[in-house]
């Protein structure tokens, strides 16, 4: 049974980007485990995504919310390991989810996590990153080259127009809730690439429609060897299935 590791912050991760891959991967027969900075206590998703970010809108869809409630009962989720006590090399795949609320900085800015991610990426085993999760990879430095592990890779991530539009729509009420860092995610990721014009793939314009278990039409996913990336929660089902296919191939 392939084992997948999902590192998370203590709070504020994206409901859909964690719960949907967990559901897809476990139902395909994979074992999903979690780690946080200190371990021991179950992490908590961004509560606004469960209730609706603004006037009940912009939150997670009902099905991912239902998956998250199931995830909360998973023993592996309730008792995550600490990052520095987790042997990343023991896992068959690594999945990096996103989120934009302030608690995500604990995860996005962690040098300790980035070192472990860089070592795992170099192993050639499957790695998946979605939305802000791609930023963890962009900041993870390959010690052999001194460059980001994404330096020569094709990738996507949260698009600048998506991040900017969400901020403009909500800043009057929520301030910088949608702006985790001064730099846009897309700009930070492109700065880590050798040739952004060739390697970065923004995908079609997408702000409302999201993929589902039965409709991959709205989704955009980039696969480059052992690495799969996606833009936002609206790609989560297709992203999870693409990552699961990489795991299945690697397990042969």
C-alpha atoms as a PDB file:
ATOM      1  CA  UNK A   1       0.000   0.000   0.000  1.00  0.00           C
ATOM      2  CA  UNK A   2       1.623   3.297  -1.091  1.00  0.00           C
ATOM      3  CA  UNK A   3       2.064   5.852   1.686  1.00  0.00           C
ATOM      4  CA  UNK A   4       1.504   9.557   1.038  1.00  0.00           C
ATOM      5  CA  UNK A   5       2.602  12.367   3.340  1.00  0.00           C
ATOM      6  CA  UNK A   6       0.738  15.676   3.586  1.00  0.00           C
ATOM      7  CA  UNK A   7       2.499  18.373   5.662  1.00  0.00           C
ATOM      8  CA  UNK A   8       0.174  21.051   7.054  1.00  0.00           C
ATOM      9  CA  UNK A   9       0.229  24.186   9.209  1.00  0.00           C
ATOM     10  CA  UNK A  10      -1.568  24.119  12.537  1.00  0.00           C
ATOM     11  CA  UNK A  11      -4.420  26.140  11.060  1.00  0.00           C
ATOM     12  CA  UNK A  12      -5.858  27.837   7.987  1.00  0.00           C
ATOM     13  CA  UNK A  13      -5.123  25.334   5.209  1.00  0.00           C
ATOM     14  CA  UNK A  14      -7.585  25.036   2.329  1.00  0.00           C
ATOM     15  CA  UNK A  15     -10.464  22.638   2.973  1.00  0.00           C
ATOM     16  CA  UNK A  16     -10.835  21.405  -0.606  1.00  0.00           C
ATOM     17  CA  UNK A  17      -7.124  21.074  -1.390  1.00  0.00           C
ATOM     18  CA  UNK A  18      -6.652  18.697   1.542  1.00  0.00           C
ATOM     19  CA  UNK A  19      -9.961  16.875   1.910  1.00  0.00           C
ATOM     20  CA  UNK A  20     -10.469  16.023  -1.777  1.00  0.00           C
ATOM     21  CA  UNK A  21      -6.990  14.499  -2.325  1.00  0.00           C
ATOM     22  CA  UNK A  22      -7.327  12.628   0.977  1.00  0.00           C
ATOM     23  CA  UNK A  23     -10.634  11.158  -0.177  1.00  0.00           C
ATOM     24  CA  UNK A  24      -9.432  10.284  -3.684  1.00  0.00           C
ATOM     25  CA  UNK A  25      -6.167   8.749  -2.478  1.00  0.00           C
ATOM     26  CA  UNK A  26      -7.590   6.714   0.389  1.00  0.00           C
ATOM     27  CA  UNK A  27     -10.427   5.379  -1.761  1.00  0.00           C
ATOM     28  CA  UNK A  28      -7.812   4.257  -4.302  1.00  0.00           C
ATOM     29  CA  UNK A  29      -6.107   2.176  -1.595  1.00  0.00           C
ATOM     30  CA  UNK A  30      -3.333   4.552  -0.548  1.00  0.00           C
ATOM     31  CA  UNK A  31      -2.419   5.336   3.044  1.00  0.00           C
ATOM     32  CA  UNK A  32      -2.391   9.070   3.758  1.00  0.00           C
ATOM     33  CA  UNK A  33      -0.533  10.468   6.776  1.00  0.00           C
ATOM     34  CA  UNK A  34       0.056  13.989   8.052  1.00  0.00           C
ATOM     35  CA  UNK A  35       2.710  16.068   9.761  1.00  0.00           C
ATOM     36  CA  UNK A  36       2.713  19.540  11.315  1.00  0.00           C
ATOM     37  CA  UNK A  37       5.450  21.685  12.810  1.00  0.00           C
ATOM     38  CA  UNK A  38       5.219  20.223  16.317  1.00  0.00           C
ATOM     39  CA  UNK A  39       2.866  17.281  15.754  1.00  0.00           C
ATOM     40  CA  UNK A  40       0.462  15.690  18.209  1.00  0.00           C
ATOM     41  CA  UNK A  41      -2.637  17.840  17.703  1.00  0.00           C
ATOM     42  CA  UNK A  42      -4.984  17.754  14.733  1.00  0.00           C
ATOM     43  CA  UNK A  43      -4.583  20.767  12.421  1.00  0.00           C
ATOM     44  CA  UNK A  44      -7.603  22.929  11.639  1.00  0.00           C
ATOM     45  CA  UNK A  45      -8.719  24.149   8.230  1.00  0.00           C
ATOM     46  CA  UNK A  46      -9.542  27.775   7.442  1.00  0.00           C
ATOM     47  CA  UNK A  47     -12.967  28.169   9.127  1.00  0.00           C
ATOM     48  CA  UNK A  48     -14.169  30.774   6.632  1.00  0.00           C
ATOM     49  CA  UNK A  49     -13.951  28.193   3.857  1.00  0.00           C
ATOM     50  CA  UNK A  50     -16.408  26.011   5.780  1.00  0.00           C
ATOM     51  CA  UNK A  51     -18.921  28.774   6.481  1.00  0.00           C
ATOM     52  CA  UNK A  52     -18.470  30.982   3.408  1.00  0.00           C
ATOM     53  CA  UNK A  53     -15.850  33.691   3.110  1.00  0.00           C
ATOM     54  CA  UNK A  54     -18.168  36.607   2.375  1.00  0.00           C
ATOM     55  CA  UNK A  55     -21.954  36.538   2.736  1.00  0.00           C
ATOM     56  CA  UNK A  56     -21.806  32.749   2.575  1.00  0.00           C
ATOM     57  CA  UNK A  57     -19.980  32.801  -0.764  1.00  0.00           C
ATOM     58  CA  UNK A  58     -16.422  31.931  -1.940  1.00  0.00           C
ATOM     59  CA  UNK A  59     -16.095  29.004   0.461  1.00  0.00           C
ATOM     60  CA  UNK A  60     -15.596  25.307  -0.208  1.00  0.00           C
ATOM     61  CA  UNK A  61     -18.358  23.393  -1.995  1.00  0.00           C
ATOM     62  CA  UNK A  62     -20.613  21.081   0.059  1.00  0.00           C
ATOM     63  CA  UNK A  63     -18.954  17.823  -0.994  1.00  0.00           C
ATOM     64  CA  UNK A  64     -15.390  18.841   0.006  1.00  0.00           C
ATOM     65  CA  UNK A  65     -16.819  20.166   3.298  1.00  0.00           C
ATOM     66  CA  UNK A  66     -18.406  16.767   3.908  1.00  0.00           C
ATOM     67  CA  UNK A  67     -15.085  15.066   3.109  1.00  0.00           C
ATOM     68  CA  UNK A  68     -13.364  17.360   5.605  1.00  0.00           C
ATOM     69  CA  UNK A  69     -15.777  16.303   8.356  1.00  0.00           C
ATOM     70  CA  UNK A  70     -14.856  12.692   7.582  1.00  0.00           C
ATOM     71  CA  UNK A  71     -11.167  13.587   7.582  1.00  0.00           C
ATOM     72  CA  UNK A  72     -11.477  15.057  11.073  1.00  0.00           C
ATOM     73  CA  UNK A  73     -12.234  11.546  12.359  1.00  0.00           C
ATOM     74  CA  UNK A  74      -9.200   9.943  10.653  1.00  0.00           C
ATOM     75  CA  UNK A  75      -6.699   8.790  13.324  1.00  0.00           C
ATOM     76  CA  UNK A  76      -3.748   9.802  11.115  1.00  0.00           C
ATOM     77  CA  UNK A  77      -5.139  13.331  10.857  1.00  0.00           C
ATOM     78  CA  UNK A  78      -5.903  13.555  14.559  1.00  0.00           C
ATOM     79  CA  UNK A  79      -2.353  12.599  15.543  1.00  0.00           C
ATOM     80  CA  UNK A  80       0.098  14.065  13.004  1.00  0.00           C
ATOM     81  CA  UNK A  81       3.840  13.658  13.416  1.00  0.00           C
ATOM     82  CA  UNK A  82       6.183  16.610  13.856  1.00  0.00           C
ATOM     83  CA  UNK A  83       8.047  17.756  10.740  1.00  0.00           C
ATOM     84  CA  UNK A  84      11.472  17.088  12.275  1.00  0.00           C
ATOM     85  CA  UNK A  85      10.384  13.670  13.574  1.00  0.00           C
ATOM     86  CA  UNK A  86       9.054  12.503  10.213  1.00  0.00           C
ATOM     87  CA  UNK A  87      11.203  10.451   7.866  1.00  0.00           C
ATOM     88  CA  UNK A  88      10.036  11.845   4.551  1.00  0.00           C
ATOM     89  CA  UNK A  89      12.088   9.176   2.777  1.00  0.00           C
ATOM     90  CA  UNK A  90       9.746   6.499   4.169  1.00  0.00           C
ATOM     91  CA  UNK A  91       6.897   7.740   1.966  1.00  0.00           C
ATOM     92  CA  UNK A  92       6.021   6.948  -1.628  1.00  0.00           C
ATOM     93  CA  UNK A  93       4.534  10.354  -2.391  1.00  0.00           C
ATOM     94  CA  UNK A  94       4.428  13.899  -1.039  1.00  0.00           C
ATOM     95  CA  UNK A  95       1.453  16.230  -1.459  1.00  0.00           C
ATOM     96  CA  UNK A  96       1.645  19.971  -0.757  1.00  0.00           C
ATOM     97  CA  UNK A  97      -1.723  21.662  -0.350  1.00  0.00           C
ATOM     98  CA  UNK A  98      -2.416  25.371  -0.198  1.00  0.00           C
ATOM     99  CA  UNK A  99      -4.445  27.985   1.609  1.00  0.00           C
ATOM    100  CA  UNK A 100      -4.227  31.745   1.888  1.00  0.00           C
ATOM    101  CA  UNK A 101      -5.248  32.733   5.430  1.00  0.00           C
ATOM    102  CA  UNK A 102      -2.564  34.011   7.867  1.00  0.00           C
ATOM    103  CA  UNK A 103      -1.933  30.652   9.567  1.00  0.00           C
ATOM    104  CA  UNK A 104      -0.460  29.332   6.321  1.00  0.00           C
ATOM    105  CA  UNK A 105       2.726  31.354   6.870  1.00  0.00           C
ATOM    106  CA  UNK A 106       3.897  28.785   9.433  1.00  0.00           C
ATOM    107  CA  UNK A 107       3.991  26.210   6.610  1.00  0.00           C
ATOM    108  CA  UNK A 108       4.934  28.392   3.650  1.00  0.00           C
ATOM    109  CA  UNK A 109       7.873  30.061   5.415  1.00  0.00           C
ATOM    110  CA  UNK A 110       9.410  27.048   7.168  1.00  0.00           C
ATOM    111  CA  UNK A 111      13.077  26.472   6.305  1.00  0.00           C
ATOM    112  CA  UNK A 112      12.950  23.106   8.099  1.00  0.00           C
ATOM    113  CA  UNK A 113      10.059  21.933   5.944  1.00  0.00           C
ATOM    114  CA  UNK A 114      11.659  23.241   2.761  1.00  0.00           C
ATOM    115  CA  UNK A 115      14.845  21.251   3.406  1.00  0.00           C
ATOM    116  CA  UNK A 116      12.854  18.041   3.803  1.00  0.00           C
ATOM    117  CA  UNK A 117      10.781  18.784   0.728  1.00  0.00           C
ATOM    118  CA  UNK A 118      13.908  19.428  -1.354  1.00  0.00           C
ATOM    119  CA  UNK A 119      15.403  16.089  -0.316  1.00  0.00           C
ATOM    120  CA  UNK A 120      12.192  14.255  -1.169  1.00  0.00           C
ATOM    121  CA  UNK A 121      11.878  15.983  -4.539  1.00  0.00           C
ATOM    122  CA  UNK A 122      15.410  14.864  -5.419  1.00  0.00           C
ATOM    123  CA  UNK A 123      14.409  11.245  -4.794  1.00  0.00           C
ATOM    124  CA  UNK A 124      12.286  11.228  -7.949  1.00  0.00           C
ATOM    125  CA  UNK A 125       9.189   9.963  -6.178  1.00  0.00           C
ATOM    126  CA  UNK A 126       5.797  11.556  -6.949  1.00  0.00           C
ATOM    127  CA  UNK A 127       5.246  15.098  -5.678  1.00  0.00           C
ATOM    128  CA  UNK A 128       2.012  17.044  -5.994  1.00  0.00           C
ATOM    129  CA  UNK A 129       1.487  20.737  -5.240  1.00  0.00           C
ATOM    130  CA  UNK A 130      -1.623  22.863  -5.614  1.00  0.00           C
ATOM    131  CA  UNK A 131      -2.196  26.621  -5.256  1.00  0.00           C
ATOM    132  CA  UNK A 132       0.064  28.069  -2.505  1.00  0.00           C
ATOM    133  CA  UNK A 133       1.599  24.608  -2.055  1.00  0.00           C
ATOM    134  CA  UNK A 134       3.659  25.271  -5.183  1.00  0.00           C
ATOM    135  CA  UNK A 135       5.296  28.130  -3.280  1.00  0.00           C
ATOM    136  CA  UNK A 136       6.800  25.600  -0.832  1.00  0.00           C
ATOM    137  CA  UNK A 137       8.535  23.904  -3.762  1.00  0.00           C
ATOM    138  CA  UNK A 138       9.634  27.199  -5.287  1.00  0.00           C
ATOM    139  CA  UNK A 139      11.351  28.018  -1.983  1.00  0.00           C
ATOM    140  CA  UNK A 140      12.866  24.546  -1.533  1.00  0.00           C
ATOM    141  CA  UNK A 141      16.503  24.691  -2.581  1.00  0.00           C
ATOM    142  CA  UNK A 142      18.399  21.778  -4.087  1.00  0.00           C
ATOM    143  CA  UNK A 143      21.704  21.743  -2.147  1.00  0.00           C
ATOM    144  CA  UNK A 144      23.510  20.300  -5.171  1.00  0.00           C
ATOM    145  CA  UNK A 145      22.686  23.329  -7.345  1.00  0.00           C
ATOM    146  CA  UNK A 146      21.731  26.091  -4.913  1.00  0.00           C
ATOM    147  CA  UNK A 147      18.574  26.631  -6.969  1.00  0.00           C
ATOM    148  CA  UNK A 148      14.906  25.908  -6.456  1.00  0.00           C
ATOM    149  CA  UNK A 149      13.855  22.327  -7.105  1.00  0.00           C
ATOM    150  CA  UNK A 150      11.502  23.825  -9.708  1.00  0.00           C
ATOM    151  CA  UNK A 151      14.280  25.631 -11.560  1.00  0.00           C
ATOM    152  CA  UNK A 152      13.992  23.450 -14.670  1.00  0.00           C
ATOM    153  CA  UNK A 153      10.429  22.180 -14.205  1.00  0.00           C
ATOM    154  CA  UNK A 154       7.129  23.002 -15.864  1.00  0.00           C
ATOM    155  CA  UNK A 155       4.527  24.133 -13.358  1.00  0.00           C
ATOM    156  CA  UNK A 156       1.384  26.062 -12.627  1.00  0.00           C
ATOM    157  CA  UNK A 157       0.145  27.621  -9.370  1.00  0.00           C
ATOM    158  CA  UNK A 158      -2.445  30.099  -8.140  1.00  0.00           C
ATOM    159  CA  UNK A 159      -2.670  32.626 -10.961  1.00  0.00           C
ATOM    160  CA  UNK A 160      -2.069  36.302 -10.235  1.00  0.00           C
ATOM    161  CA  UNK A 161      -5.464  37.322 -11.638  1.00  0.00           C
ATOM    162  CA  UNK A 162      -7.165  34.822  -9.293  1.00  0.00           C
ATOM    163  CA  UNK A 163      -5.322  36.056  -6.204  1.00  0.00           C
ATOM    164  CA  UNK A 164      -5.753  39.722  -7.138  1.00  0.00           C
ATOM    165  CA  UNK A 165      -9.477  39.426  -7.914  1.00  0.00           C
ATOM    166  CA  UNK A 166     -10.235  37.597  -4.657  1.00  0.00           C
ATOM    167  CA  UNK A 167      -8.350  40.306  -2.758  1.00  0.00           C
ATOM    168  CA  UNK A 168     -10.179  43.151  -4.495  1.00  0.00           C
ATOM    169  CA  UNK A 169     -13.567  41.552  -3.816  1.00  0.00           C
ATOM    170  CA  UNK A 170     -12.976  41.012  -0.097  1.00  0.00           C
ATOM    171  CA  UNK A 171     -10.381  43.504   1.159  1.00  0.00           C
ATOM    172  CA  UNK A 172     -13.025  46.031   2.272  1.00  0.00           C
ATOM    173  CA  UNK A 173     -14.244  43.419   4.790  1.00  0.00           C
ATOM    174  CA  UNK A 174     -11.347  41.021   5.356  1.00  0.00           C
ATOM    175  CA  UNK A 175      -8.248  43.133   4.755  1.00  0.00           C
ATOM    176  CA  UNK A 176      -5.309  41.082   3.489  1.00  0.00           C
ATOM    177  CA  UNK A 177      -7.003  37.704   4.043  1.00  0.00           C
ATOM    178  CA  UNK A 178      -6.369  36.788   0.394  1.00  0.00           C
ATOM    179  CA  UNK A 179      -2.834  38.189   0.300  1.00  0.00           C
ATOM    180  CA  UNK A 180      -0.663  35.836   2.344  1.00  0.00           C
ATOM    181  CA  UNK A 181       2.594  37.544   1.289  1.00  0.00           C
ATOM    182  CA  UNK A 182       3.506  40.870  -0.347  1.00  0.00           C
ATOM    183  CA  UNK A 183       4.468  39.061  -3.567  1.00  0.00           C
ATOM    184  CA  UNK A 184       1.836  37.268  -5.609  1.00  0.00           C
ATOM    185  CA  UNK A 185       2.246  33.482  -5.644  1.00  0.00           C
ATOM    186  CA  UNK A 186       2.617  33.455  -9.424  1.00  0.00           C
ATOM    187  CA  UNK A 187       5.421  36.042  -9.315  1.00  0.00           C
ATOM    188  CA  UNK A 188       7.286  34.166  -6.578  1.00  0.00           C
ATOM    189  CA  UNK A 189       7.031  30.855  -8.417  1.00  0.00           C
ATOM    190  CA  UNK A 190       8.102  32.323 -11.758  1.00  0.00           C
ATOM    191  CA  UNK A 191      11.129  33.933 -10.068  1.00  0.00           C
ATOM    192  CA  UNK A 192      12.327  30.431  -9.124  1.00  0.00           C
ATOM    193  CA  UNK A 193      12.247  29.146 -12.728  1.00  0.00           C
ATOM    194  CA  UNK A 194      15.024  29.154 -15.309  1.00  0.00           C
ATOM    195  CA  UNK A 195      12.755  30.274 -18.164  1.00  0.00           C
ATOM    196  CA  UNK A 196       9.314  31.366 -16.872  1.00  0.00           C
ATOM    197  CA  UNK A 197       7.957  32.081 -20.341  1.00  0.00           C
ATOM    198  CA  UNK A 198       8.548  28.459 -21.316  1.00  0.00           C
ATOM    199  CA  UNK A 199       7.996  26.679 -18.002  1.00  0.00           C
ATOM    200  CA  UNK A 200       5.085  28.474 -16.334  1.00  0.00           C
ATOM    201  CA  UNK A 201       1.589  27.506 -17.504  1.00  0.00           C
ATOM    202  CA  UNK A 202      -1.200  29.782 -16.281  1.00  0.00           C
ATOM    203  CA  UNK A 203      -4.073  27.812 -17.775  1.00  0.00           C
ATOM    204  CA  UNK A 204      -7.460  29.116 -18.958  1.00  0.00           C
ATOM    205  CA  UNK A 205      -9.270  31.918 -17.134  1.00  0.00           C
ATOM    206  CA  UNK A 206     -11.160  30.340 -14.243  1.00  0.00           C
ATOM    207  CA  UNK A 207     -12.801  32.052 -11.261  1.00  0.00           C
ATOM    208  CA  UNK A 208     -16.156  30.356 -10.678  1.00  0.00           C
ATOM    209  CA  UNK A 209     -16.510  26.846 -12.115  1.00  0.00           C
ATOM    210  CA  UNK A 210     -14.785  24.048 -10.224  1.00  0.00           C
ATOM    211  CA  UNK A 211     -14.182  20.465 -11.176  1.00  0.00           C
ATOM    212  CA  UNK A 212     -16.047  17.662  -9.412  1.00  0.00           C
ATOM    213  CA  UNK A 213     -15.784  13.898  -9.091  1.00  0.00           C
ATOM    214  CA  UNK A 214     -17.666  13.567 -12.380  1.00  0.00           C
ATOM    215  CA  UNK A 215     -16.695  16.723 -14.287  1.00  0.00           C
ATOM    216  CA  UNK A 216     -13.051  17.504 -15.066  1.00  0.00           C
ATOM    217  CA  UNK A 217     -13.986  20.174 -17.600  1.00  0.00           C
ATOM    218  CA  UNK A 218     -13.050  23.257 -15.549  1.00  0.00           C
ATOM    219  CA  UNK A 219      -9.754  21.825 -14.288  1.00  0.00           C
ATOM    220  CA  UNK A 220      -6.187  22.586 -15.321  1.00  0.00           C
ATOM    221  CA  UNK A 221      -3.317  20.357 -14.190  1.00  0.00           C
ATOM    222  CA  UNK A 222       0.336  20.268 -15.289  1.00  0.00           C
ATOM    223  CA  UNK A 223       2.295  17.009 -15.141  1.00  0.00           C
ATOM    224  CA  UNK A 224       6.078  17.082 -15.587  1.00  0.00           C
ATOM    225  CA  UNK A 225       7.667  13.708 -14.904  1.00  0.00           C
ATOM    226  CA  UNK A 226       7.187  12.864 -11.222  1.00  0.00           C
ATOM    227  CA  UNK A 227       5.641  16.267 -10.484  1.00  0.00           C
ATOM    228  CA  UNK A 228       2.008  17.388 -10.807  1.00  0.00           C
ATOM    229  CA  UNK A 229       0.750  20.895 -10.058  1.00  0.00           C
ATOM    230  CA  UNK A 230      -2.587  22.688 -10.102  1.00  0.00           C
ATOM    231  CA  UNK A 231      -3.864  26.237  -9.639  1.00  0.00           C
ATOM    232  CA  UNK A 232      -6.639  26.405  -7.040  1.00  0.00           C
ATOM    233  CA  UNK A 233      -9.393  24.405  -5.287  1.00  0.00           C
ATOM    234  CA  UNK A 234     -11.297  24.292  -8.575  1.00  0.00           C
ATOM    235  CA  UNK A 235      -8.711  21.796  -9.868  1.00  0.00           C
ATOM    236  CA  UNK A 236      -8.638  19.553  -6.771  1.00  0.00           C
ATOM    237  CA  UNK A 237     -10.349  16.405  -8.069  1.00  0.00           C
ATOM    238  CA  UNK A 238      -8.347  16.291 -11.292  1.00  0.00           C
ATOM    239  CA  UNK A 239      -5.153  17.149  -9.399  1.00  0.00           C
ATOM    240  CA  UNK A 240      -5.730  14.300  -6.940  1.00  0.00           C
ATOM    241  CA  UNK A 241      -6.439  11.802  -9.696  1.00  0.00           C
ATOM    242  CA  UNK A 242      -3.313  12.852 -11.633  1.00  0.00           C
ATOM    243  CA  UNK A 243      -1.219  12.465  -8.481  1.00  0.00           C
ATOM    244  CA  UNK A 244      -2.755   9.045  -7.791  1.00  0.00           C
ATOM    245  CA  UNK A 245      -1.826   7.937 -11.316  1.00  0.00           C
ATOM    246  CA  UNK A 246       1.804   8.929 -10.676  1.00  0.00           C
ATOM    247  CA  UNK A 247       1.742   6.859  -7.478  1.00  0.00           C
ATOM    248  CA  UNK A 248       0.322   3.865  -9.314  1.00  0.00           C
ATOM    249  CA  UNK A 249       2.998   4.055 -12.022  1.00  0.00           C
ATOM    250  CA  UNK A 250       5.772   4.428  -9.436  1.00  0.00           C
ATOM    251  CA  UNK A 251       4.467   1.383  -7.537  1.00  0.00           C
ATOM    252  CA  UNK A 252       4.742  -0.951 -10.544  1.00  0.00           C
END
